[in-house]
PDB file of N, CA and C in Angstrom:
ATOM      1  N   MET A   1     120.313 -80.354  19.756  1.00  0.00           N
ATOM      2  CA  MET A   1     119.734 -80.704  18.462  1.00  0.00           C
ATOM      3  C   MET A   1     118.583 -81.639  18.869  1.00  0.00           C
ATOM      4  N   LYS A   2     117.618 -81.641  17.869  1.00  0.00           N
ATOM      5  CA  LYS A   2     116.493 -82.472  18.081  1.00  0.00           C
ATOM      6  C   LYS A   2     116.030 -83.098  16.784  1.00  0.00           C
ATOM      7  N   VAL A   3     115.255 -84.090  16.777  1.00  0.00           N
ATOM      8  CA  VAL A   3     114.836 -84.761  15.585  1.00  0.00           C
ATOM      9  C   VAL A   3     113.652 -83.925  14.953  1.00  0.00           C
ATOM     10  N   LYS A   4     113.755 -83.877  13.630  1.00  0.00           N
ATOM     11  CA  LYS A   4     112.686 -82.919  12.980  1.00  0.00           C
ATOM     12  C   LYS A   4     111.400 -83.669  12.948  1.00  0.00           C
ATOM     13  N   ASP A   5     111.517 -84.946  12.438  1.00  0.00           N
ATOM     14  CA  ASP A   5     110.269 -85.819  12.422  1.00  0.00           C
ATOM     15  C   ASP A   5     110.558 -87.229  12.700  1.00  0.00           C
ATOM     16  N   PRO A   6     110.097 -87.615  13.915  1.00  0.00           N
ATOM     17  CA  PRO A   6     110.542 -88.955  14.432  1.00  0.00           C
ATOM     18  C   PRO A   6     110.048 -90.200  13.440  1.00  0.00           C
ATOM     19  N   ALA A   7     108.962 -89.877  12.764  1.00  0.00           N
ATOM     20  CA  ALA A   7     108.438 -90.979  11.902  1.00  0.00           C
ATOM     21  C   ALA A   7     109.427 -91.073  10.690  1.00  0.00           C
ATOM     22  N   MET A   8     109.986 -89.966  10.242  1.00  0.00           N
ATOM     23  CA  MET A   8     110.880 -89.933   9.125  1.00  0.00           C
ATOM     24  C   MET A   8     112.120 -90.745   9.469  1.00  0.00           C
ATOM     25  N   LEU A   9     112.621 -90.559  10.703  1.00  0.00           N
ATOM     26  CA  LEU A   9     113.765 -91.293  11.214  1.00  0.00           C
ATOM     27  C   LEU A   9     113.556 -92.731  10.950  1.00  0.00           C
ATOM     28  N   ARG A  10     112.395 -93.237  11.486  1.00  0.00           N
ATOM     29  CA  ARG A  10     112.064 -94.587  11.452  1.00  0.00           C
ATOM     30  C   ARG A  10     111.963 -95.169   9.986  1.00  0.00           C
ATOM     31  N   ARG A  11     111.296 -94.247   9.104  1.00  0.00           N
ATOM     32  CA  ARG A  11     111.323 -94.672   7.764  1.00  0.00           C
ATOM     33  C   ARG A  11     112.647 -94.940   7.191  1.00  0.00           C
ATOM     34  N   TRP A  12     113.559 -93.986   7.469  1.00  0.00           N
ATOM     35  CA  TRP A  12     114.964 -94.155   6.831  1.00  0.00           C
ATOM     36  C   TRP A  12     115.606 -95.326   7.429  1.00  0.00           C
ATOM     37  N   ARG A  13     115.384 -95.594   8.695  1.00  0.00           N
ATOM     38  CA  ARG A  13     116.006 -96.807   9.240  1.00  0.00           C
ATOM     39  C   ARG A  13     115.495 -98.134   8.529  1.00  0.00           C
ATOM     40  N   ARG A  14     114.202 -98.121   8.435  1.00  0.00           N
ATOM     41  CA  ARG A  14     113.572 -99.298   7.792  1.00  0.00           C
ATOM     42  C   ARG A  14     114.000 -99.357   6.273  1.00  0.00           C
ATOM     43  N   GLN A  15     114.239 -98.241   5.626  1.00  0.00           N
ATOM     44  CA  GLN A  15     114.652 -98.346   4.196  1.00  0.00           C
ATOM     45  C   GLN A  15     116.113 -98.959   4.129  1.00  0.00           C
ATOM     46  N   GLU A  16     116.892 -98.791   5.100  1.00  0.00           N
ATOM     47  CA  GLU A  16     118.243 -99.310   5.157  1.00  0.00           C
ATOM     48  C   GLU A  16     118.137-100.706   5.648  1.00  0.00           C
ATOM     49  N   ASN A  17     116.858-101.237   5.933  1.00  0.00           N
ATOM     50  CA  ASN A  17     116.793-102.645   6.421  1.00  0.00           C
ATOM     51  C   ASN A  17     117.539-102.948   7.654  1.00  0.00           C
ATOM     52  N   LEU A  18     117.400-101.914   8.660  1.00  0.00           N
ATOM     53  CA  LEU A  18     118.045-102.067   9.993  1.00  0.00           C
ATOM     54  C   LEU A  18     116.933-102.121  11.076  1.00  0.00           C
ATOM     55  N   SER A  19     117.174-102.940  12.002  1.00  0.00           N
ATOM     56  CA  SER A  19     116.366-103.000  13.173  1.00  0.00           C
ATOM     57  C   SER A  19     116.808-101.849  14.078  1.00  0.00           C
ATOM     58  N   GLN A  20     115.880-101.555  15.148  1.00  0.00           N
ATOM     59  CA  GLN A  20     116.467-100.505  16.072  1.00  0.00           C
ATOM     60  C   GLN A  20     117.755-101.049  16.755  1.00  0.00           C
ATOM     61  N   LYS A  21     117.792-102.333  17.118  1.00  0.00           N
ATOM     62  CA  LYS A  21     118.797-102.911  17.756  1.00  0.00           C
ATOM     63  C   LYS A  21     120.144-102.824  16.828  1.00  0.00           C
ATOM     64  N   GLN A  22     119.962-103.056  15.648  1.00  0.00           N
ATOM     65  CA  GLN A  22     121.126-103.021  14.695  1.00  0.00           C
ATOM     66  C   GLN A  22     121.731-101.597  14.608  1.00  0.00           C
ATOM     67  N   LEU A  23     120.773-100.590  14.388  1.00  0.00           N
ATOM     68  CA  LEU A  23     121.247 -99.220  14.203  1.00  0.00           C
ATOM     69  C   LEU A  23     121.858 -98.874  15.559  1.00  0.00           C
ATOM     70  N   ALA A  24     121.247 -99.190  16.652  1.00  0.00           N
ATOM     71  CA  ALA A  24     121.748 -98.766  17.991  1.00  0.00           C
ATOM     72  C   ALA A  24     123.188 -99.345  18.187  1.00  0.00           C
ATOM     73  N   PHE A  25     123.569-100.541  17.786  1.00  0.00           N
ATOM     74  CA  PHE A  25     124.791-101.100  17.697  1.00  0.00           C
ATOM     75  C   PHE A  25     125.777-100.362  16.947  1.00  0.00           C
ATOM     76  N   LEU A  26     125.286 -99.901  15.702  1.00  0.00           N
ATOM     77  CA  LEU A  26     126.179 -99.153  14.672  1.00  0.00           C
ATOM     78  C   LEU A  26     126.585 -97.770  15.228  1.00  0.00           C
ATOM     79  N   VAL A  27     125.696 -97.115  16.081  1.00  0.00           N
ATOM     80  CA  VAL A  27     125.970 -95.914  16.528  1.00  0.00           C
ATOM     81  C   VAL A  27     126.433 -95.871  18.016  1.00  0.00           C
ATOM     82  N   ASN A  28     126.636 -97.026  18.572  1.00  0.00           N
ATOM     83  CA  ASN A  28     127.036 -97.225  19.909  1.00  0.00           C
ATOM     84  C   ASN A  28     126.104 -96.716  21.049  1.00  0.00           C
ATOM     85  N   ARG A  29     124.830 -96.969  20.808  1.00  0.00           N
ATOM     86  CA  ARG A  29     123.845 -96.570  21.773  1.00  0.00           C
ATOM     87  C   ARG A  29     122.886 -97.621  22.032  1.00  0.00           C
ATOM     88  N   SER A  30     121.846 -97.450  22.974  1.00  0.00           N
ATOM     89  CA  SER A  30     120.981 -98.690  23.178  1.00  0.00           C
ATOM     90  C   SER A  30     119.780 -98.569  22.147  1.00  0.00           C
ATOM     91  N   GLN A  31     119.186 -99.697  22.189  1.00  0.00           N
ATOM     92  CA  GLN A  31     117.883 -99.854  21.364  1.00  0.00           C
ATOM     93  C   GLN A  31     116.866 -98.879  21.895  1.00  0.00           C
ATOM     94  N   THR A  32     116.904 -98.763  23.103  1.00  0.00           N
ATOM     95  CA  THR A  32     116.005 -97.793  23.896  1.00  0.00           C
ATOM     96  C   THR A  32     116.050 -96.360  23.434  1.00  0.00           C
ATOM     97  N   THR A  33     117.214 -96.005  23.123  1.00  0.00           N
ATOM     98  CA  THR A  33     117.567 -94.670  22.673  1.00  0.00           C
ATOM     99  C   THR A  33     116.995 -94.355  21.301  1.00  0.00           C
ATOM    100  N   ILE A  34     117.228 -95.431  20.404  1.00  0.00           N
ATOM    101  CA  ILE A  34     116.636 -95.347  18.955  1.00  0.00           C
ATOM    102  C   ILE A  34     115.189 -95.299  19.068  1.00  0.00           C
ATOM    103  N   HIS A  35     114.507 -96.179  20.077  1.00  0.00           N
ATOM    104  CA  HIS A  35     113.059 -96.145  20.107  1.00  0.00           C
ATOM    105  C   HIS A  35     112.627 -94.801  20.672  1.00  0.00           C
ATOM    106  N   LEU A  36     113.263 -94.211  21.608  1.00  0.00           N
ATOM    107  CA  LEU A  36     112.844 -92.885  21.976  1.00  0.00           C
ATOM    108  C   LEU A  36     112.928 -91.860  20.914  1.00  0.00           C
ATOM    109  N   LEU A  37     114.009 -91.805  20.215  1.00  0.00           N
ATOM    110  CA  LEU A  37     114.091 -90.938  19.068  1.00  0.00           C
ATOM    111  C   LEU A  37     113.019 -91.001  18.066  1.00  0.00           C
ATOM    112  N   GLU A  38     112.693 -92.303  17.849  1.00  0.00           N
ATOM    113  CA  GLU A  38     111.713 -92.567  16.691  1.00  0.00           C
ATOM    114  C   GLU A  38     110.378 -92.221  17.176  1.00  0.00           C
ATOM    115  N   THR A  39     109.988 -92.211  18.457  1.00  0.00           N
ATOM    116  CA  THR A  39     108.676 -91.954  18.892  1.00  0.00           C
ATOM    117  C   THR A  39     108.598 -90.541  19.515  1.00  0.00           C
ATOM    118  N   GLY A  40     109.630 -89.785  19.429  1.00  0.00           N
ATOM    119  CA  GLY A  40     109.591 -88.337  20.068  1.00  0.00           C
ATOM    120  C   GLY A  40     109.675 -88.313  21.481  1.00  0.00           C
ATOM    121  N   GLY A  41     110.201 -89.461  22.113  1.00  0.00           N
ATOM    122  CA  GLY A  41     110.323 -89.386  23.463  1.00  0.00           C
ATOM    123  C   GLY A  41     111.586 -88.940  24.032  1.00  0.00           C
ATOM    124  N   MET A  42     112.635 -88.595  23.256  1.00  0.00           N
ATOM    125  CA  MET A  42     113.797 -87.962  23.485  1.00  0.00           C
ATOM    126  C   MET A  42     113.908 -86.560  22.928  1.00  0.00           C
ATOM    127  N   GLY A  43     113.946 -85.547  23.756  1.00  0.00           N
ATOM    128  CA  GLY A  43     113.810 -84.301  23.361  1.00  0.00           C
ATOM    129  C   GLY A  43     115.051 -83.742  22.732  1.00  0.00           C
ATOM    130  N   ARG A  44     116.234 -84.122  23.244  1.00  0.00           N
ATOM    131  CA  ARG A  44     117.566 -83.630  22.693  1.00  0.00           C
ATOM    132  C   ARG A  44     118.491 -84.761  22.461  1.00  0.00           C
ATOM    133  N   LEU A  45     119.413 -84.552  21.560  1.00  0.00           N
ATOM    134  CA  LEU A  45     120.384 -85.607  21.289  1.00  0.00           C
ATOM    135  C   LEU A  45     121.603 -84.695  20.888  1.00  0.00           C
ATOM    136  N   SER A  46     122.819 -85.479  21.075  1.00  0.00           N
ATOM    137  CA  SER A  46     124.142 -84.760  20.882  1.00  0.00           C
ATOM    138  C   SER A  46     124.394 -84.530  19.341  1.00  0.00           C
ATOM    139  N   GLU A  47     125.237 -83.705  19.037  1.00  0.00           N
ATOM    140  CA  GLU A  47     125.748 -83.571  17.695  1.00  0.00           C
ATOM    141  C   GLU A  47     126.388 -84.757  17.154  1.00  0.00           C
ATOM    142  N   GLU A  48     127.142 -85.450  18.072  1.00  0.00           N
ATOM    143  CA  GLU A  48     127.848 -86.663  17.798  1.00  0.00           C
ATOM    144  C   GLU A  48     126.814 -87.713  17.333  1.00  0.00           C
ATOM    145  N   LEU A  49     125.779 -87.947  18.081  1.00  0.00           N
ATOM    146  CA  LEU A  49     124.752 -88.988  17.776  1.00  0.00           C
ATOM    147  C   LEU A  49     124.007 -88.567  16.526  1.00  0.00           C
ATOM    148  N   ALA A  50     123.654 -87.432  16.298  1.00  0.00           N
ATOM    149  CA  ALA A  50     122.962 -87.046  15.126  1.00  0.00           C
ATOM    150  C   ALA A  50     123.801 -87.155  13.944  1.00  0.00           C
ATOM    151  N   ILE A  51     125.043 -86.991  13.939  1.00  0.00           N
ATOM    152  CA  ILE A  51     125.930 -87.162  12.656  1.00  0.00           C
ATOM    153  C   ILE A  51     126.023 -88.683  12.484  1.00  0.00           C
ATOM    154  N   ALA A  52     126.414 -89.374  13.528  1.00  0.00           N
ATOM    155  CA  ALA A  52     126.426 -90.977  13.470  1.00  0.00           C
ATOM    156  C   ALA A  52     125.172 -91.544  12.824  1.00  0.00           C
ATOM    157  N   LEU A  53     124.004 -91.058  13.402  1.00  0.00           N
ATOM    158  CA  LEU A  53     122.785 -91.553  12.741  1.00  0.00           C
ATOM    159  C   LEU A  53     122.657 -91.221  11.256  1.00  0.00           C
ATOM    160  N   ALA A  54     122.819 -89.953  10.938  1.00  0.00           N
ATOM    161  CA  ALA A  54     122.593 -89.532   9.585  1.00  0.00           C
ATOM    162  C   ALA A  54     123.711 -90.294   8.716  1.00  0.00           C
ATOM    163  N   MET A  55     124.816 -90.520   9.021  1.00  0.00           N
ATOM    164  CA  MET A  55     125.848 -91.296   8.270  1.00  0.00           C
ATOM    165  C   MET A  55     125.401 -92.715   8.004  1.00  0.00           C
ATOM    166  N   ARG A  56     124.861 -93.368   9.098  1.00  0.00           N
ATOM    167  CA  ARG A  56     124.450 -94.742   9.044  1.00  0.00           C
ATOM    168  C   ARG A  56     123.162 -94.922   8.217  1.00  0.00           C
ATOM    169  N   LEU A  57     122.291 -93.803   8.113  1.00  0.00           N
ATOM    170  CA  LEU A  57     121.146 -93.783   7.458  1.00  0.00           C
ATOM    171  C   LEU A  57     121.339 -93.218   6.028  1.00  0.00           C
ATOM    172  N   LYS A  58     122.542 -92.762   5.755  1.00  0.00           N
ATOM    173  CA  LYS A  58     122.849 -92.203   4.413  1.00  0.00           C
ATOM    174  C   LYS A  58     122.182 -91.066   3.951  1.00  0.00           C
ATOM    175  N   GLN A  59     121.957 -90.132   5.061  1.00  0.00           N
ATOM    176  CA  GLN A  59     121.175 -88.919   4.732  1.00  0.00           C
ATOM    177  C   GLN A  59     122.031 -87.733   5.310  1.00  0.00           C
ATOM    178  N   PRO A  60     121.790 -86.517   4.736  1.00  0.00           N
ATOM    179  CA  PRO A  60     122.408 -85.279   5.388  1.00  0.00           C
ATOM    180  C   PRO A  60     121.891 -85.114   6.704  1.00  0.00           C
ATOM    181  N   TRP A  61     122.649 -84.776   7.795  1.00  0.00           N
ATOM    182  CA  TRP A  61     122.129 -84.773   9.135  1.00  0.00           C
ATOM    183  C   TRP A  61     120.920 -83.701   9.179  1.00  0.00           C
ATOM    184  N   ASN A  62     120.994 -82.577   8.435  1.00  0.00           N
ATOM    185  CA  ASN A  62     120.052 -81.668   8.486  1.00  0.00           C
ATOM    186  C   ASN A  62     118.674 -81.916   7.884  1.00  0.00           C
ATOM    187  N   GLU A  63     118.566 -83.074   7.180  1.00  0.00           N
ATOM    188  CA  GLU A  63     117.351 -83.684   6.747  1.00  0.00           C
ATOM    189  C   GLU A  63     116.612 -84.185   7.860  1.00  0.00           C
ATOM    190  N   LEU A  64     117.284 -84.767   8.901  1.00  0.00           N
ATOM    191  CA  LEU A  64     116.828 -85.468  10.031  1.00  0.00           C
ATOM    192  C   LEU A  64     116.638 -84.696  11.234  1.00  0.00           C
ATOM    193  N   PHE A  65     117.575 -83.785  11.467  1.00  0.00           N
ATOM    194  CA  PHE A  65     117.795 -83.032  12.828  1.00  0.00           C
ATOM    195  C   PHE A  65     117.689 -81.564  12.522  1.00  0.00           C
ATOM    196  N   GLU A  66     117.388 -80.913  13.657  1.00  0.00           N
ATOM    197  CA  GLU A  66     117.591 -79.392  13.615  1.00  0.00           C
ATOM    198  C   GLU A  66     118.100 -78.925  14.921  1.00  0.00           C
ATOM    199  N   LEU A  67     118.801 -77.730  14.716  1.00  0.00           N
ATOM    200  CA  LEU A  67     119.378 -77.124  15.817  1.00  0.00           C
ATOM    201  C   LEU A  67     118.372 -76.392  16.728  1.00  0.00           C
ATOM    202  N   GLU A  68     118.554 -76.321  18.034  1.00  0.00           N
ATOM    203  CA  GLU A  68     117.746 -75.755  18.899  1.00  0.00           C
ATOM    204  C   GLU A  68     118.344 -74.272  18.990  1.00  0.00           C
ATOM    205  N   GLU A  69     117.519 -73.318  19.629  1.00  0.00           N
ATOM    206  CA  GLU A  69     117.908 -72.023  19.805  1.00  0.00           C
ATOM    207  C   GLU A  69     119.235 -71.969  20.528  1.00  0.00           C
ATOM    208  N   LYS A  70     120.098 -70.979  20.091  1.00  0.00           N
ATOM    209  CA  LYS A  70     121.391 -70.883  20.732  1.00  0.00           C
ATOM    210  C   LYS A  70     122.390 -71.884  20.490  1.00  0.00           C
ATOM    211  N   GLU A  71     122.044 -72.895  19.628  1.00  0.00           N
ATOM    212  CA  GLU A  71     122.955 -74.040  19.430  1.00  0.00           C
ATOM    213  C   GLU A  71     123.806 -73.735  17.997  1.00  0.00           C
ATOM    214  N   THR A  72     125.109 -74.069  18.129  1.00  0.00           N
ATOM    215  CA  THR A  72     125.990 -73.873  16.955  1.00  0.00           C
ATOM    216  C   THR A  72     126.525 -75.260  16.549  1.00  0.00           C
ATOM    217  N   LEU A  73     126.958 -75.298  15.273  1.00  0.00           N
ATOM    218  CA  LEU A  73     127.556 -76.493  14.852  1.00  0.00           C
ATOM    219  C   LEU A  73     129.080 -76.432  14.875  1.00  0.00           C
ATOM    220  N   SER A  74     129.621 -77.580  15.130  1.00  0.00           N
ATOM    221  CA  SER A  74     131.148 -77.677  14.940  1.00  0.00           C
ATOM    222  C   SER A  74     131.377 -77.540  13.524  1.00  0.00           C
ATOM    223  N   ARG A  75     132.810 -77.282  13.306  1.00  0.00           N
ATOM    224  CA  ARG A  75     133.125 -77.240  11.743  1.00  0.00           C
ATOM    225  C   ARG A  75     133.003 -78.533  11.124  1.00  0.00           C
ATOM    226  N   SER A  76     133.222 -79.680  11.692  1.00  0.00           N
ATOM    227  CA  SER A  76     133.094 -80.963  11.063  1.00  0.00           C
ATOM    228  C   SER A  76     131.553 -81.160  10.650  1.00  0.00           C
ATOM    229  N   ALA A  77     130.654 -80.768  11.448  1.00  0.00           N
ATOM    230  CA  ALA A  77     129.360 -80.859  11.157  1.00  0.00           C
ATOM    231  C   ALA A  77     128.897 -79.975  10.013  1.00  0.00           C
ATOM    232  N   GLN A  78     129.457 -78.809  10.037  1.00  0.00           N
ATOM    233  CA  GLN A  78     129.198 -77.978   8.943  1.00  0.00           C
ATOM    234  C   GLN A  78     129.511 -78.429   7.613  1.00  0.00           C
ATOM    235  N   SER A  79     130.734 -79.097   7.587  1.00  0.00           N
ATOM    236  CA  SER A  79     131.257 -79.566   6.302  1.00  0.00           C
ATOM    237  C   SER A  79     130.356 -80.868   5.923  1.00  0.00           C
ATOM    238  N   ARG A  80     129.929 -81.531   6.839  1.00  0.00           N
ATOM    239  CA  ARG A  80     129.053 -82.759   6.490  1.00  0.00           C
ATOM    240  C   ARG A  80     127.654 -82.333   6.019  1.00  0.00           C
ATOM    241  N   LYS A  81     127.162 -81.150   6.513  1.00  0.00           N
ATOM    242  CA  LYS A  81     125.852 -80.573   6.002  1.00  0.00           C
ATOM    243  C   LYS A  81     125.975 -80.204   4.585  1.00  0.00           C
ATOM    244  N   ARG A  82     127.092 -79.749   4.196  1.00  0.00           N
ATOM    245  CA  ARG A  82     127.306 -79.368   2.750  1.00  0.00           C
ATOM    246  C   ARG A  82     127.506 -80.542   1.851  1.00  0.00           C
ATOM    247  N   ILE A  83     128.261 -81.463   2.320  1.00  0.00           N
ATOM    248  CA  ILE A  83     128.665 -82.596   1.453  1.00  0.00           C
ATOM    249  C   ILE A  83     127.730 -83.762   1.571  1.00  0.00           C
ATOM    250  N   GLY A  84     127.150 -84.083   2.625  1.00  0.00           N
ATOM    251  CA  GLY A  84     126.334 -85.214   2.885  1.00  0.00           C
ATOM    252  C   GLY A  84     127.047 -86.423   3.441  1.00  0.00           C
ATOM    253  N   PRO A  85     126.429 -87.618   3.345  1.00  0.00           N
ATOM    254  CA  PRO A  85     127.244 -88.776   3.746  1.00  0.00           C
ATOM    255  C   PRO A  85     128.502 -89.085   3.141  1.00  0.00           C
ATOM    256  N   ALA A  86     129.375 -89.690   3.853  1.00  0.00           N
ATOM    257  CA  ALA A  86     130.728 -90.005   3.249  1.00  0.00           C
ATOM    258  C   ALA A  86     130.829 -90.673   1.927  1.00  0.00           C
ATOM    259  N   ARG A  87     129.825 -91.514   1.664  1.00  0.00           N
ATOM    260  CA  ARG A  87     129.845 -92.355   0.332  1.00  0.00           C
ATOM    261  C   ARG A  87     129.667 -91.360  -0.797  1.00  0.00           C
ATOM    262  N   ASN A  88     128.856 -90.112  -0.615  1.00  0.00           N
ATOM    263  CA  ASN A  88     128.781 -89.191  -1.647  1.00  0.00           C
ATOM    264  C   ASN A  88     130.027 -88.424  -1.899  1.00  0.00           C
ATOM    265  N   ARG A  89     130.852 -88.292  -0.842  1.00  0.00           N
ATOM    266  CA  ARG A  89     132.126 -87.508  -1.083  1.00  0.00           C
ATOM    267  C   ARG A  89     133.140 -88.270  -2.037  1.00  0.00           C
ATOM    268  N   ARG A  90     133.065 -89.659  -1.989  1.00  0.00           N
ATOM    269  CA  ARG A  90     133.876 -90.415  -2.807  1.00  0.00           C
ATOM    270  C   ARG A  90     133.407 -90.281  -4.287  1.00  0.00           C
ATOM    271  N   ALA A  91     132.168 -90.310  -4.475  1.00  0.00           N
ATOM    272  CA  ALA A  91     131.535 -90.184  -5.810  1.00  0.00           C
ATOM    273  C   ALA A  91     131.806 -88.913  -6.385  1.00  0.00           C
ATOM    274  N   VAL A  92     131.848 -87.834  -5.699  1.00  0.00           N
ATOM    275  CA  VAL A  92     132.085 -86.581  -6.166  1.00  0.00           C
ATOM    276  C   VAL A  92     133.583 -86.458  -6.551  1.00  0.00           C
ATOM    277  N   ALA A  93     134.484 -87.009  -5.707  1.00  0.00           N
ATOM    278  CA  ALA A  93     135.913 -86.951  -5.823  1.00  0.00           C
ATOM    279  C   ALA A  93     136.345 -87.737  -7.139  1.00  0.00           C
ATOM    280  N   SER A  94     135.720 -88.904  -7.313  1.00  0.00           N
ATOM    281  CA  SER A  94     136.137 -89.675  -8.565  1.00  0.00           C
ATOM    282  C   SER A  94     135.322 -89.346  -9.790  1.00  0.00           C
ATOM    283  N   GLY A  95     134.221 -88.553  -9.686  1.00  0.00           N
ATOM    284  CA  GLY A  95     133.417 -88.153 -10.872  1.00  0.00           C
ATOM    285  C   GLY A  95     133.940 -87.042 -11.442  1.00  0.00           C
TER     286      GLY A  95
END
């Protein structure tokens, strides 16, 4: 998996008022990893990290990331793609 637009990832992080260090802590990675993702310096990332970032940034993962050739999604990622962040699932269920 790879980042669609590194600058967009940075914008969403800033919109959530998170520093790189804070976001890194929330997804159990280093600040350097977040920096590399936001500057295009990291070519690939795991599905687990992509989903964790999307959830913390409150965005559907497929808005921020894209699959590379021959890559497939796990069932849990497929359901998150349709539903979006966890907070939206509760709103749909109660609405």
